[in-house]
Structure formats: C-alpha cells, structure tokens
Amino acid sequence: MFGDEIEASIVLDMYRIDVTRVEGNILYRRYRGETIEREILTKDVTLKLLPIYPIFYPRFVTRYILCEFSIPIYIPPMDSIALYMYLPIDIAVYGYKNSSFTILDIVPLHKLYKYTLYGPPSRYGDVGGVIARYCRTRVSLEEPRDLELGFCISHLEIRNELEKFASMSKLLLDTSPLALFYGLGSWRCCTQHIRVIINSPSTAVVEYEKQPIEPGFKAVDEPEEAKAPLISYRNEMVWGY
C-alpha cells in the first residue's frame, strides 16, 4: 500500500519486489516472472512505495503530460462542465534517510510508454512545441469509488469563455504545479482540483489548486526533475485543446 514501508517481499501487478537485509545493508530486487529487471545495493534506508507521474520510465525526458480524452467534451457558450479524469501513474520505490530521499526504482504499470510533440516543431529559431508523455485518458461524470492500480483521480472544471461551443479532446499538464496525493495504507491517489479556461478558439489556460480533492490525503515528496521554479500554478495551451 502507498506509504507503507517495504520489509521483505511484495507483489505489484506483474512484478515481485524482494528486499534482503544483511547487517544494515539492503539488497533490492525487482522481478518480472523469474527475470531480475532491477537490482540495487544500499544501506540502512527506509523503503516506501509511492505514486509517481508517468514521466520517469524508461527515463526522464520531459515534465509535461499530454492527456488525450477517451471521448470529446463539448462545452456550451459561456458555460462550464465538471468531470473526473483517470490520470495514469507509475509506482516509485523511495529511499529515505533522515530528511533526505531519492527514487531507487520505477515500477512501470502500463504497456505503452509513448511521447509526442504538442505544438509545431521548432524551425529556424522559431518557438516550437513541447515534448510530452502521451496518455490515453478516461473521463467520467461520477467520482469513481473503486480505483484500478496504476491510475489516480483528477477533478477537472472546464470553462468556456467563448460565445460559441468549444470542443476539447486533450489536456496538457505540467508536473511543476501538478501534485500527487495518496491515502496512507491504500492504493488510492489523487491530484488537486484543475481548472481549464478556454479563452480563444485555439488557446486555454490550465490552473492548479493546492489542496487534494480527497480530504486527508498526503502529498508525495516531489523529485527535483519534475519541478521547475514556479511563478504561478498554471500553464498555457497555445496549440489547441
């Protein structure tokens, strides 16, 4: 379960994690079937399982996530709609020692890890799009009670400031203002409330609140790679939505 200390052996989906302790030293192994996919030696640290953005496997490339909705969303003129989104996540094995921490392993929970370009390619010095982790994302009008391992819940409010219908099929998330939260001793996790403001036929602003949508959930310790200096809790979509 999220936040619990790994003492010996645990099974996660198609993987098995074994932890062997010898005189204060730790041998960590992650198996897929009988094959060792990850092996680490460390010393006298606390190991915990926590949800993590799907941007670190097989390696870190970008802090952006492009979510393509499973169905298009139509918002009437000068109106809004609220819904839930199943954001894909992986599981990170954190190592803690006093106030320091690091990610020792990423347990991938999805079959396809794909990247895409949001926006145009950069040419002749012009500003181009951004590379993003691509995710096909389910949406729902009702908050899910049972959550499948490998997903967390986001609550979206999409506001249409145009005087005509707007159709939204994708959402660009920036993991700098995006936050993950987990229920201690469960596999349930969530983000904060996210507000999308459609302000032109091709642009929108994505705003992030600070508190989890599920009360009492604990914030995940953020790896440095996923964070950039924050001026505001927002990002812009300038190449369509």
Protein backbone atom coordinates (compact mmCIF):
# COMPACT_ATOMS: atom_id res chain seq x y z
CA MET A 1 0.00 0.00 0.00
CA PHE A 2 1.11 3.58 -0.59
CA GLY A 3 3.25 4.98 2.22
CA ASP A 4 3.90 1.58 3.84
CA GLU A 5 7.48 0.51 4.46
CA ILE A 6 8.76 -2.40 2.35
CA GLU A 7 10.11 -5.01 4.74
CA ALA A 8 10.57 -8.18 2.68
CA SER A 9 8.56 -9.20 -0.41
CA ILE A 10 5.59 -7.66 -2.20
CA VAL A 11 3.77 -8.34 -5.47
CA LEU A 12 2.76 -5.41 -7.71
CA ASP A 13 0.79 -6.35 -10.80
CA MET A 14 3.22 -8.45 -12.90
CA TYR A 15 6.22 -7.67 -10.68
CA ARG A 16 7.64 -9.03 -7.43
CA ILE A 17 9.86 -6.94 -5.18
CA ASP A 18 12.24 -8.68 -2.79
CA VAL A 19 14.19 -6.86 -0.08
CA THR A 20 17.00 -8.68 1.73
CA ARG A 21 18.66 -7.05 4.75
CA VAL A 22 22.13 -8.12 5.88
CA GLU A 23 23.82 -6.34 8.80
CA GLY A 24 22.30 -2.96 7.95
CA ASN A 25 22.78 -3.36 4.21
CA ILE A 26 19.93 -3.83 1.72
CA LEU A 27 19.73 -5.85 -1.49
CA TYR A 28 16.73 -4.73 -3.54
CA ARG A 29 15.48 -6.77 -6.49
CA ARG A 30 12.51 -6.32 -8.81
CA TYR A 31 11.45 -9.43 -10.73
CA ARG A 32 9.22 -9.89 -13.73
CA GLY A 33 8.47 -13.57 -13.66
CA GLU A 34 11.84 -15.15 -12.89
CA THR A 35 13.84 -12.36 -14.55
CA ILE A 36 15.56 -9.69 -12.44
CA GLU A 37 14.81 -6.33 -14.08
CA ARG A 38 16.30 -4.09 -11.40
CA GLU A 39 18.88 -4.76 -8.67
CA ILE A 40 20.22 -2.25 -6.15
CA LEU A 41 22.55 -2.29 -3.16
CA THR A 42 22.09 0.35 -0.48
CA LYS A 43 22.43 0.74 3.27
CA ASP A 44 20.11 1.33 6.19
CA VAL A 45 17.33 3.26 4.44
CA THR A 46 13.57 3.16 4.71
CA LEU A 47 11.91 1.92 1.52
CA LYS A 48 8.39 3.10 0.64
CA LEU A 49 6.03 2.72 -2.31
CA LEU A 50 4.51 5.97 -3.59
CA PRO A 51 2.60 7.08 -6.71
CA ILE A 52 4.63 8.98 -9.29
CA TYR A 53 3.99 10.81 -12.55
CA PRO A 54 4.38 8.58 -15.64
CA ILE A 55 7.42 10.53 -16.88
CA PHE A 56 10.35 8.61 -15.36
CA TYR A 57 10.15 5.30 -17.23
CA PRO A 58 12.14 4.22 -19.14
CA ARG A 59 13.95 7.51 -18.45
CA PHE A 60 13.09 11.12 -17.70
CA VAL A 61 12.57 13.15 -20.89
CA THR A 62 10.01 15.85 -20.09
CA ARG A 63 7.90 17.17 -17.26
CA TYR A 64 4.81 17.53 -19.50
CA ILE A 65 1.94 15.06 -19.87
CA LEU A 66 -0.49 15.23 -22.77
CA CYS A 67 -3.78 13.54 -21.90
CA GLU A 68 -5.97 12.62 -24.86
CA PHE A 69 -9.52 12.10 -23.64
CA SER A 70 -11.30 8.84 -24.44
CA ILE A 71 -14.29 10.88 -25.66
CA PRO A 72 -14.53 14.53 -26.83
CA ILE A 73 -16.04 17.10 -24.48
CA TYR A 74 -18.36 19.84 -25.79
CA ILE A 75 -18.87 22.91 -23.61
CA PRO A 76 -21.75 25.31 -24.40
CA PRO A 77 -21.04 29.04 -24.87
CA MET A 78 -20.17 30.92 -21.66
CA ASP A 79 -20.72 27.75 -19.63
CA SER A 80 -18.70 25.10 -17.80
CA ILE A 81 -18.63 21.37 -17.14
CA ALA A 82 -17.12 19.36 -14.26
CA LEU A 83 -15.80 15.83 -14.61
CA TYR A 84 -13.26 13.32 -13.33
CA MET A 85 -10.20 12.08 -15.19
CA TYR A 86 -8.23 8.86 -14.66
CA LEU A 87 -4.60 10.03 -14.79
CA PRO A 88 -2.11 7.19 -15.41
CA ILE A 89 0.66 6.84 -12.83
CA ASP A 90 3.57 4.53 -12.06
CA ILE A 91 4.84 3.40 -8.66
CA ALA A 92 8.12 4.72 -7.29
CA VAL A 93 10.27 2.99 -4.71
CA TYR A 94 11.57 5.80 -2.49
CA GLY A 95 14.58 5.51 -0.23
CA TYR A 96 14.52 7.70 2.89
CA LYS A 97 17.33 8.54 5.29
CA ASN A 98 16.54 11.20 7.89
CA SER A 99 15.26 14.20 5.88
CA SER A 100 16.76 13.09 2.56
CA PHE A 101 15.12 10.91 -0.08
CA THR A 102 15.71 9.56 -3.56
CA ILE A 103 13.86 7.38 -6.06
CA LEU A 104 15.56 4.00 -6.30
CA ASP A 105 13.25 2.33 -8.81
CA ILE A 106 10.23 2.95 -11.00
CA VAL A 107 7.70 0.13 -11.30
CA PRO A 108 6.02 0.58 -14.71
CA LEU A 109 2.32 -0.30 -14.65
CA HIS A 110 1.37 0.33 -18.28
CA LYS A 111 2.11 -1.47 -21.54
CA LEU A 112 2.66 1.57 -23.75
CA TYR A 113 5.09 4.39 -22.96
CA LYS A 114 4.86 6.91 -25.76
CA TYR A 115 5.97 10.51 -26.25
CA THR A 116 4.51 13.10 -28.58
CA LEU A 117 5.02 16.70 -29.65
CA TYR A 118 2.40 19.17 -28.50
CA GLY A 119 2.61 22.02 -30.97
CA PRO A 120 4.73 22.55 -34.09
CA PRO A 121 8.39 21.55 -34.47
CA SER A 122 10.93 24.33 -33.93
CA ARG A 123 12.34 25.67 -37.20
CA TYR A 124 14.91 28.38 -37.93
CA GLY A 125 14.88 29.64 -34.34
CA ASP A 126 11.09 29.90 -34.07
CA VAL A 127 9.45 28.83 -30.83
CA GLY A 128 8.19 25.26 -31.20
CA GLY A 129 6.03 22.89 -29.23
CA VAL A 130 6.95 20.80 -26.21
CA ILE A 131 7.67 17.09 -25.92
CA ALA A 132 5.10 15.43 -23.67
CA ARG A 133 4.39 11.98 -22.30
CA TYR A 134 1.30 10.79 -24.19
CA CYS A 135 -1.57 9.22 -22.25
CA ARG A 136 -4.95 7.99 -23.46
CA THR A 137 -7.18 9.08 -20.58
CA ARG A 138 -10.67 8.04 -19.48
CA VAL A 139 -13.13 10.62 -18.17
CA SER A 140 -16.28 10.26 -16.07
CA LEU A 141 -19.06 12.45 -14.70
CA GLU A 142 -19.10 10.48 -11.43
CA GLU A 143 -16.27 10.12 -8.95
CA PRO A 144 -15.01 6.52 -9.11
CA ARG A 145 -15.33 4.54 -5.89
CA ASP A 146 -13.01 1.73 -6.91
CA LEU A 147 -9.72 2.78 -8.46
CA GLU A 148 -7.58 0.44 -10.53
CA LEU A 149 -3.87 0.25 -9.62
CA GLY A 150 -1.95 2.50 -11.99
CA PHE A 151 -4.39 5.41 -12.00
CA CYS A 152 -5.16 8.42 -9.83
CA ILE A 153 -8.19 10.68 -9.90
CA SER A 154 -8.21 14.28 -11.11
CA HIS A 155 -11.18 16.59 -10.91
CA LEU A 156 -11.49 18.98 -13.86
CA GLU A 157 -13.59 22.06 -14.31
CA ILE A 158 -13.61 23.24 -17.93
CA ARG A 159 -14.88 26.79 -18.51
CA ASN A 160 -15.74 28.05 -21.97
CA GLU A 161 -15.40 31.85 -22.19
CA LEU A 162 -16.28 31.90 -25.89
CA GLU A 163 -19.66 32.88 -27.30
CA LYS A 164 -19.83 29.61 -29.22
CA PHE A 165 -19.47 25.90 -28.44
CA ALA A 166 -15.96 24.65 -27.67
CA SER A 167 -14.76 21.08 -28.18
CA MET A 168 -11.92 19.77 -26.00
CA SER A 169 -10.14 16.50 -26.76
CA LYS A 170 -6.80 16.85 -24.95
CA LEU A 171 -5.21 18.43 -21.90
CA LEU A 172 -1.57 19.45 -21.37
CA LEU A 173 -0.40 19.06 -17.77
CA ASP A 174 2.82 20.47 -16.31
CA THR A 175 4.15 18.41 -13.39
CA SER A 176 5.70 21.51 -11.80
CA PRO A 177 2.35 22.80 -10.48
CA LEU A 178 0.65 19.39 -10.66
CA ALA A 179 0.70 17.50 -7.34
CA LEU A 180 0.04 13.88 -6.38
CA PHE A 181 -1.55 12.83 -3.08
CA TYR A 182 -2.18 9.37 -1.61
CA GLY A 183 -4.29 7.71 1.03
CA LEU A 184 -1.92 6.16 3.56
CA GLY A 185 -2.34 2.37 3.67
CA SER A 186 -4.35 2.21 0.43
CA TRP A 187 -3.75 2.19 -3.33
CA ARG A 188 -5.91 5.28 -3.83
CA CYS A 189 -4.35 8.54 -5.01
CA CYS A 190 -5.47 11.85 -6.49
CA THR A 191 -4.36 15.27 -7.71
CA GLN A 192 -5.62 18.69 -6.76
CA HIS A 193 -8.57 20.37 -8.49
CA ILE A 194 -7.64 21.50 -12.01
CA ARG A 195 -9.42 24.32 -13.83
CA VAL A 196 -9.21 24.77 -17.61
CA ILE A 197 -10.25 28.14 -19.03
CA ILE A 198 -10.86 28.20 -22.79
CA ASN A 199 -10.20 31.78 -23.85
CA SER A 200 -9.88 31.56 -27.65
CA PRO A 201 -10.60 29.07 -30.46
CA SER A 202 -7.08 27.64 -30.08
CA THR A 203 -5.81 28.52 -26.59
CA ALA A 204 -6.63 27.68 -22.98
CA VAL A 205 -5.15 28.22 -19.52
CA VAL A 206 -4.72 25.34 -17.06
CA GLU A 207 -4.85 26.37 -13.38
CA TYR A 208 -3.98 24.17 -10.39
CA GLU A 209 -5.24 24.48 -6.84
CA LYS A 210 -3.01 23.41 -3.95
CA GLN A 211 -5.15 21.04 -1.87
CA PRO A 212 -6.02 17.39 -2.72
CA ILE A 213 -9.52 16.67 -3.98
CA GLU A 214 -9.83 13.92 -1.34
CA PRO A 215 -9.51 15.28 2.24
CA GLY A 216 -6.77 13.89 4.44
CA PHE A 217 -4.57 12.61 1.61
CA LYS A 218 -0.82 13.12 1.98
CA ALA A 219 1.37 14.87 -0.59
CA VAL A 220 4.04 12.85 -2.39
CA ASP A 221 7.62 14.08 -1.97
CA GLU A 222 8.42 15.58 -5.36
CA PRO A 223 11.57 14.60 -7.28
CA GLU A 224 13.60 17.57 -8.47
CA GLU A 225 13.35 16.60 -12.15
CA ALA A 226 9.57 17.08 -12.18
CA LYS A 227 9.73 20.56 -10.72
CA ALA A 228 10.77 23.93 -12.13
CA PRO A 229 10.74 27.31 -10.37
CA LEU A 230 7.08 28.28 -10.04
CA ILE A 231 5.88 31.77 -10.90
CA SER A 232 2.24 30.72 -10.79
CA TYR A 233 0.23 27.50 -10.51
CA ARG A 234 -0.74 27.40 -14.17
CA ASN A 235 0.38 26.51 -17.68
CA GLU A 236 -0.90 27.54 -21.09
CA MET A 237 -2.14 25.53 -24.04
CA VAL A 238 -1.39 27.61 -27.12
CA TRP A 239 -1.59 24.95 -29.83
CA GLY A 240 -5.11 23.68 -29.41
CA TYR A 241 -7.14 21.72 -26.92
